[in-house]
Amino acid sequence: MVPTGETSAKYSPGGLVDVEYYVQAWQIAVGHKDPQVRAPNILDAIDCLARGQHIPERHAAELRDVYGFLRRLIDALRAVRGHAKDLTIPPTESQEFAYLAQRLQYASPTVLRDAITQRMGYARGLWERGVG
């Protein structure tokens, strides 16, 4: 699914799918006790999990931030590439990455690189925290 040596904003470890599956796993873990968490929208589900005190608000805020960032990154990749299925993050030293940083309104490619590293690192570590 992801070419060797490349990073997908959706499918690589720390990508959008990690956040979605993590939230869905929480919904499954607590949904039998708290039907309020059975929201079909990921952001609504995060809010319901926090409101029901199943996850701390700080964690919910991080999940919202990472999810929103990855969605914006994916949308920008689609615009930059002109192809909806190509979600591979270009090499950080490439002109394409510089254009991506500009499109996302980051001060420089380095700032975008750091944002990707931080947020995908957070998403990659979600499963270490456990569910339920």
N, C-alpha and C. Protein backbone atom coordinates (compact mmCIF):
# COMPACT_ATOMS: atom_id res chain seq x y z
N MET A 1 0.83 -1.19 0.00
CA MET A 1 0.00 0.00 0.00
C MET A 1 0.88 1.26 0.00
N VAL A 2 1.90 1.30 0.87
CA VAL A 2 2.82 2.44 0.92
C VAL A 2 4.14 1.98 0.30
N PRO A 3 4.63 2.69 -0.72
CA PRO A 3 5.90 2.31 -1.32
C PRO A 3 7.03 2.27 -0.28
N THR A 4 7.92 1.31 -0.42
CA THR A 4 9.05 1.15 0.49
C THR A 4 9.86 2.45 0.57
N GLY A 5 10.16 2.85 1.80
CA GLY A 5 10.98 4.04 2.01
C GLY A 5 10.21 5.35 1.95
N GLU A 6 8.90 5.29 1.75
CA GLU A 6 8.09 6.50 1.67
C GLU A 6 7.11 6.54 2.84
N THR A 7 6.53 7.71 3.06
CA THR A 7 5.60 7.90 4.17
C THR A 7 4.27 8.38 3.63
N SER A 8 3.22 7.66 4.00
CA SER A 8 1.86 8.05 3.63
C SER A 8 1.23 8.77 4.81
N ALA A 9 0.61 9.89 4.53
CA ALA A 9 -0.07 10.66 5.58
C ALA A 9 -1.28 9.91 6.12
N LYS A 10 -1.73 8.91 5.38
CA LYS A 10 -2.90 8.15 5.81
C LYS A 10 -2.54 6.77 6.35
N TYR A 11 -1.70 6.03 5.65
CA TYR A 11 -1.50 4.62 5.95
C TYR A 11 -0.22 4.28 6.71
N SER A 12 0.77 5.14 6.72
CA SER A 12 2.01 4.84 7.44
C SER A 12 1.77 4.90 8.94
N PRO A 13 2.65 4.25 9.73
CA PRO A 13 2.52 4.39 11.19
C PRO A 13 2.49 5.87 11.58
N GLY A 14 1.48 6.22 12.38
CA GLY A 14 1.30 7.62 12.77
C GLY A 14 0.41 8.39 11.83
N GLY A 15 -0.11 7.72 10.81
CA GLY A 15 -0.98 8.37 9.85
C GLY A 15 -2.42 8.46 10.33
N LEU A 16 -3.24 9.01 9.49
CA LEU A 16 -4.64 9.25 9.81
C LEU A 16 -5.37 7.99 10.26
N VAL A 17 -5.07 6.87 9.64
CA VAL A 17 -5.74 5.62 9.99
C VAL A 17 -5.46 5.24 11.45
N ASP A 18 -4.27 5.49 11.94
CA ASP A 18 -3.97 5.20 13.35
C ASP A 18 -4.89 5.97 14.28
N VAL A 19 -5.11 7.24 14.00
CA VAL A 19 -5.99 8.06 14.83
C VAL A 19 -7.42 7.54 14.75
N GLU A 20 -7.88 7.28 13.53
CA GLU A 20 -9.26 6.80 13.35
C GLU A 20 -9.49 5.47 14.06
N TYR A 21 -8.58 4.52 13.89
CA TYR A 21 -8.75 3.21 14.53
C TYR A 21 -8.65 3.31 16.05
N TYR A 22 -7.79 4.17 16.53
CA TYR A 22 -7.64 4.34 17.97
C TYR A 22 -8.95 4.85 18.59
N VAL A 23 -9.52 5.87 17.98
CA VAL A 23 -10.78 6.43 18.49
C VAL A 23 -11.88 5.38 18.38
N GLN A 24 -11.93 4.67 17.27
CA GLN A 24 -12.95 3.63 17.11
C GLN A 24 -12.78 2.50 18.13
N ALA A 25 -11.55 2.16 18.46
CA ALA A 25 -11.30 1.13 19.48
C ALA A 25 -11.82 1.59 20.84
N TRP A 26 -11.63 2.87 21.16
CA TRP A 26 -12.19 3.42 22.39
C TRP A 26 -13.71 3.35 22.38
N GLN A 27 -14.29 3.67 21.24
CA GLN A 27 -15.76 3.60 21.14
C GLN A 27 -16.25 2.18 21.40
N ILE A 28 -15.56 1.20 20.87
CA ILE A 28 -15.94 -0.20 21.09
C ILE A 28 -15.73 -0.57 22.55
N ALA A 29 -14.62 -0.13 23.13
CA ALA A 29 -14.29 -0.50 24.51
C ALA A 29 -15.30 0.02 25.52
N VAL A 30 -15.84 1.20 25.28
CA VAL A 30 -16.73 1.81 26.28
C VAL A 30 -18.16 1.99 25.81
N GLY A 31 -18.42 1.71 24.54
CA GLY A 31 -19.74 1.95 23.97
C GLY A 31 -20.86 1.14 24.58
N HIS A 32 -20.54 -0.03 25.13
CA HIS A 32 -21.59 -0.84 25.75
C HIS A 32 -22.08 -0.21 27.06
N LYS A 33 -21.20 0.55 27.73
CA LYS A 33 -21.57 1.22 28.98
C LYS A 33 -22.07 2.64 28.74
N ASP A 34 -21.56 3.26 27.70
CA ASP A 34 -21.89 4.66 27.41
C ASP A 34 -22.26 4.81 25.94
N PRO A 35 -23.54 4.66 25.60
CA PRO A 35 -23.97 4.75 24.20
C PRO A 35 -23.71 6.12 23.57
N GLN A 36 -23.45 7.14 24.38
CA GLN A 36 -23.20 8.49 23.85
C GLN A 36 -21.94 8.54 22.98
N VAL A 37 -21.01 7.59 23.18
CA VAL A 37 -19.76 7.62 22.40
C VAL A 37 -19.93 7.03 21.01
N ARG A 38 -21.09 6.55 20.69
CA ARG A 38 -21.32 5.89 19.40
C ARG A 38 -21.60 6.91 18.30
N ALA A 39 -20.71 7.82 18.13
CA ALA A 39 -20.83 8.87 17.11
C ALA A 39 -20.09 8.42 15.84
N PRO A 40 -20.68 8.62 14.66
CA PRO A 40 -20.03 8.18 13.43
C PRO A 40 -18.88 9.09 12.98
N ASN A 41 -18.85 10.32 13.44
CA ASN A 41 -17.82 11.27 13.06
C ASN A 41 -16.69 11.21 14.09
N ILE A 42 -15.44 11.12 13.63
CA ILE A 42 -14.30 10.96 14.54
C ILE A 42 -14.20 12.13 15.52
N LEU A 43 -14.34 13.35 15.05
CA LEU A 43 -14.23 14.50 15.97
C LEU A 43 -15.35 14.50 17.00
N ASP A 44 -16.56 14.14 16.58
CA ASP A 44 -17.67 14.03 17.54
C ASP A 44 -17.39 12.91 18.54
N ALA A 45 -16.84 11.81 18.06
CA ALA A 45 -16.52 10.69 18.94
C ALA A 45 -15.48 11.09 19.98
N ILE A 46 -14.46 11.84 19.57
CA ILE A 46 -13.44 12.32 20.51
C ILE A 46 -14.11 13.18 21.58
N ASP A 47 -14.97 14.09 21.15
CA ASP A 47 -15.68 14.95 22.10
C ASP A 47 -16.50 14.12 23.08
N CYS A 48 -17.21 13.12 22.57
CA CYS A 48 -18.05 12.28 23.44
C CYS A 48 -17.20 11.47 24.41
N LEU A 49 -16.06 10.98 23.95
CA LEU A 49 -15.17 10.22 24.83
C LEU A 49 -14.65 11.11 25.96
N ALA A 50 -14.33 12.34 25.63
CA ALA A 50 -13.85 13.29 26.66
C ALA A 50 -14.98 13.69 27.60
N ARG A 51 -16.12 14.00 27.03
CA ARG A 51 -17.27 14.39 27.85
C ARG A 51 -17.67 13.29 28.83
N GLY A 52 -17.56 12.04 28.39
CA GLY A 52 -17.89 10.91 29.24
C GLY A 52 -16.75 10.52 30.17
N GLN A 53 -15.66 11.28 30.14
CA GLN A 53 -14.48 11.07 30.98
C GLN A 53 -13.81 9.71 30.73
N HIS A 54 -13.89 9.26 29.49
CA HIS A 54 -13.21 8.02 29.11
C HIS A 54 -11.77 8.31 28.72
N ILE A 55 -11.53 9.52 28.26
CA ILE A 55 -10.16 9.99 27.98
C ILE A 55 -10.05 11.40 28.57
N PRO A 56 -8.84 11.77 29.02
CA PRO A 56 -8.66 13.12 29.55
C PRO A 56 -8.83 14.17 28.45
N GLU A 57 -9.31 15.34 28.81
CA GLU A 57 -9.51 16.43 27.84
C GLU A 57 -8.22 16.78 27.13
N ARG A 58 -7.11 16.76 27.83
CA ARG A 58 -5.81 17.07 27.19
C ARG A 58 -5.51 16.08 26.05
N HIS A 59 -5.79 14.82 26.30
CA HIS A 59 -5.59 13.78 25.29
C HIS A 59 -6.56 14.02 24.12
N ALA A 60 -7.80 14.36 24.43
CA ALA A 60 -8.80 14.65 23.39
C ALA A 60 -8.34 15.83 22.54
N ALA A 61 -7.80 16.85 23.17
CA ALA A 61 -7.31 18.02 22.43
C ALA A 61 -6.18 17.63 21.49
N GLU A 62 -5.28 16.79 21.95
CA GLU A 62 -4.18 16.31 21.10
C GLU A 62 -4.72 15.49 19.93
N LEU A 63 -5.69 14.61 20.21
CA LEU A 63 -6.28 13.81 19.14
C LEU A 63 -6.94 14.70 18.09
N ARG A 64 -7.67 15.72 18.54
CA ARG A 64 -8.32 16.66 17.60
C ARG A 64 -7.27 17.37 16.76
N ASP A 65 -6.20 17.82 17.42
CA ASP A 65 -5.14 18.54 16.72
C ASP A 65 -4.47 17.65 15.67
N VAL A 66 -4.10 16.45 16.06
CA VAL A 66 -3.42 15.54 15.14
C VAL A 66 -4.34 15.16 13.98
N TYR A 67 -5.58 14.83 14.30
CA TYR A 67 -6.54 14.46 13.26
C TYR A 67 -6.74 15.63 12.28
N GLY A 68 -6.96 16.81 12.80
CA GLY A 68 -7.15 17.98 11.94
C GLY A 68 -5.94 18.28 11.08
N PHE A 69 -4.76 18.18 11.69
CA PHE A 69 -3.52 18.41 10.95
C PHE A 69 -3.38 17.41 9.81
N LEU A 70 -3.58 16.13 10.10
CA LEU A 70 -3.43 15.11 9.07
C LEU A 70 -4.48 15.27 7.96
N ARG A 71 -5.69 15.68 8.30
CA ARG A 71 -6.72 15.93 7.28
C ARG A 71 -6.29 17.08 6.37
N ARG A 72 -5.79 18.17 6.98
CA ARG A 72 -5.32 19.31 6.18
C ARG A 72 -4.14 18.90 5.29
N LEU A 73 -3.23 18.11 5.86
CA LEU A 73 -2.06 17.64 5.10
C LEU A 73 -2.51 16.80 3.90
N ILE A 74 -3.44 15.90 4.12
CA ILE A 74 -3.94 15.04 3.04
C ILE A 74 -4.64 15.88 1.98
N ASP A 75 -5.45 16.83 2.38
CA ASP A 75 -6.12 17.71 1.42
C ASP A 75 -5.10 18.50 0.60
N ALA A 76 -4.06 18.99 1.26
CA ALA A 76 -3.02 19.74 0.54
C ALA A 76 -2.24 18.83 -0.40
N LEU A 77 -1.95 17.61 0.03
CA LEU A 77 -1.26 16.67 -0.87
C LEU A 77 -2.09 16.41 -2.12
N ARG A 78 -3.37 16.26 -1.94
CA ARG A 78 -4.25 16.03 -3.10
C ARG A 78 -4.23 17.22 -4.05
N ALA A 79 -4.22 18.42 -3.49
CA ALA A 79 -4.17 19.62 -4.32
C ALA A 79 -2.83 19.77 -5.02
N VAL A 80 -1.76 19.51 -4.29
CA VAL A 80 -0.41 19.66 -4.85
C VAL A 80 -0.19 18.64 -5.96
N ARG A 81 -0.64 17.43 -5.73
CA ARG A 81 -0.41 16.35 -6.68
C ARG A 81 -1.47 16.28 -7.77
N GLY A 82 -2.66 16.81 -7.48
CA GLY A 82 -3.74 16.71 -8.45
C GLY A 82 -4.25 15.29 -8.60
N HIS A 83 -3.99 14.47 -7.57
CA HIS A 83 -4.40 13.06 -7.61
C HIS A 83 -4.89 12.67 -6.22
N ALA A 84 -6.14 12.33 -6.11
CA ALA A 84 -6.77 12.07 -4.80
C ALA A 84 -6.20 10.88 -4.06
N LYS A 85 -5.60 9.93 -4.76
CA LYS A 85 -5.13 8.71 -4.10
C LYS A 85 -3.66 8.76 -3.70
N ASP A 86 -2.93 9.74 -4.15
CA ASP A 86 -1.51 9.83 -3.82
C ASP A 86 -1.34 10.61 -2.53
N LEU A 87 -1.16 9.90 -1.44
CA LEU A 87 -1.05 10.52 -0.12
C LEU A 87 0.36 10.42 0.45
N THR A 88 1.33 10.17 -0.44
CA THR A 88 2.72 10.05 -0.04
C THR A 88 3.32 11.43 0.18
N ILE A 89 3.95 11.60 1.33
CA ILE A 89 4.59 12.88 1.65
C ILE A 89 5.89 12.97 0.85
N PRO A 90 6.08 14.04 0.10
CA PRO A 90 7.30 14.15 -0.72
C PRO A 90 8.54 14.32 0.16
N PRO A 91 9.72 14.03 -0.39
CA PRO A 91 10.95 14.23 0.37
C PRO A 91 11.06 15.69 0.85
N THR A 92 11.53 15.87 2.07
CA THR A 92 11.55 17.21 2.67
C THR A 92 12.44 18.20 1.93
N GLU A 93 13.41 17.72 1.19
CA GLU A 93 14.30 18.63 0.47
C GLU A 93 13.80 18.96 -0.93
N SER A 94 12.65 18.40 -1.31
CA SER A 94 12.14 18.61 -2.66
C SER A 94 11.37 19.92 -2.80
N GLN A 95 11.26 20.37 -4.05
CA GLN A 95 10.47 21.56 -4.36
C GLN A 95 9.00 21.30 -4.06
N GLU A 96 8.57 20.08 -4.27
CA GLU A 96 7.18 19.71 -4.00
C GLU A 96 6.85 19.87 -2.51
N PHE A 97 7.81 19.50 -1.64
CA PHE A 97 7.59 19.67 -0.20
C PHE A 97 7.56 21.15 0.16
N ALA A 98 8.42 21.95 -0.47
CA ALA A 98 8.42 23.40 -0.23
C ALA A 98 7.07 24.00 -0.64
N TYR A 99 6.53 23.53 -1.76
CA TYR A 99 5.23 24.02 -2.20
C TYR A 99 4.14 23.58 -1.22
N LEU A 100 4.25 22.36 -0.72
CA LEU A 100 3.30 21.85 0.27
C LEU A 100 3.32 22.72 1.53
N ALA A 101 4.51 23.05 2.00
CA ALA A 101 4.65 23.93 3.17
C ALA A 101 4.01 25.29 2.92
N GLN A 102 4.23 25.82 1.74
CA GLN A 102 3.64 27.11 1.38
C GLN A 102 2.12 27.01 1.32
N ARG A 103 1.61 25.96 0.73
CA ARG A 103 0.17 25.76 0.61
C ARG A 103 -0.50 25.64 1.98
N LEU A 104 0.20 25.01 2.92
CA LEU A 104 -0.31 24.85 4.28
C LEU A 104 0.01 26.06 5.16
N GLN A 105 0.64 27.05 4.58
CA GLN A 105 0.98 28.32 5.24
C GLN A 105 1.95 28.14 6.41
N TYR A 106 2.94 27.27 6.22
CA TYR A 106 4.03 27.13 7.19
C TYR A 106 5.15 28.07 6.79
N ALA A 107 5.86 28.56 7.77
CA ALA A 107 6.92 29.54 7.53
C ALA A 107 8.03 28.99 6.65
N SER A 108 8.26 27.68 6.72
CA SER A 108 9.32 27.06 5.93
C SER A 108 9.07 25.56 5.85
N PRO A 109 9.73 24.90 4.92
CA PRO A 109 9.63 23.45 4.86
C PRO A 109 10.10 22.77 6.16
N THR A 110 11.07 23.35 6.81
CA THR A 110 11.58 22.79 8.06
C THR A 110 10.51 22.80 9.14
N VAL A 111 9.75 23.87 9.22
CA VAL A 111 8.68 23.97 10.22
C VAL A 111 7.60 22.93 9.92
N LEU A 112 7.27 22.73 8.65
CA LEU A 112 6.30 21.70 8.28
C LEU A 112 6.85 20.32 8.60
N ARG A 113 8.09 20.08 8.26
CA ARG A 113 8.71 18.78 8.58
C ARG A 113 8.60 18.47 10.06
N ASP A 114 8.91 19.46 10.90
CA ASP A 114 8.84 19.27 12.35
C ASP A 114 7.41 19.01 12.81
N ALA A 115 6.45 19.70 12.20
CA ALA A 115 5.04 19.49 12.55
C ALA A 115 4.59 18.08 12.18
N ILE A 116 5.02 17.60 11.03
CA ILE A 116 4.68 16.24 10.60
C ILE A 116 5.31 15.23 11.55
N THR A 117 6.58 15.42 11.86
CA THR A 117 7.29 14.50 12.76
C THR A 117 6.62 14.44 14.12
N GLN A 118 6.28 15.60 14.67
CA GLN A 118 5.68 15.64 16.00
C GLN A 118 4.31 14.99 16.02
N ARG A 119 3.47 15.34 15.08
CA ARG A 119 2.09 14.84 15.10
C ARG A 119 2.00 13.36 14.71
N MET A 120 2.78 12.95 13.72
CA MET A 120 2.75 11.53 13.37
C MET A 120 3.40 10.70 14.48
N GLY A 121 4.37 11.26 15.18
CA GLY A 121 4.96 10.57 16.33
C GLY A 121 3.94 10.37 17.43
N TYR A 122 3.12 11.38 17.67
CA TYR A 122 2.06 11.27 18.67
C TYR A 122 1.07 10.18 18.26
N ALA A 123 0.64 10.20 17.01
CA ALA A 123 -0.32 9.20 16.52
C ALA A 123 0.27 7.80 16.56
N ARG A 124 1.55 7.68 16.24
CA ARG A 124 2.22 6.37 16.26
C ARG A 124 2.24 5.80 17.68
N GLY A 125 2.35 6.67 18.68
CA GLY A 125 2.41 6.23 20.06
C GLY A 125 1.06 5.96 20.71
N LEU A 126 -0.02 6.21 20.01
CA LEU A 126 -1.35 6.03 20.61
C LEU A 126 -1.56 4.62 21.13
N TRP A 127 -1.13 3.64 20.39
CA TRP A 127 -1.40 2.25 20.79
C TRP A 127 -0.58 1.83 22.00
N GLU A 128 0.52 2.54 22.26
CA GLU A 128 1.29 2.27 23.48
C GLU A 128 0.53 2.68 24.72
N ARG A 129 -0.36 3.67 24.58
CA ARG A 129 -1.17 4.14 25.70
C ARG A 129 -2.27 3.14 26.07
N GLY A 130 -2.66 2.34 25.08
CA GLY A 130 -3.71 1.36 25.32
C GLY A 130 -5.10 1.94 25.16
N VAL A 131 -6.06 1.07 25.19
CA VAL A 131 -7.47 1.44 25.05
C VAL A 131 -8.24 0.74 26.14
N GLY A 132 -9.11 1.52 26.79
CA GLY A 132 -10.00 0.94 27.80
C GLY A 132 -9.34 0.59 29.02
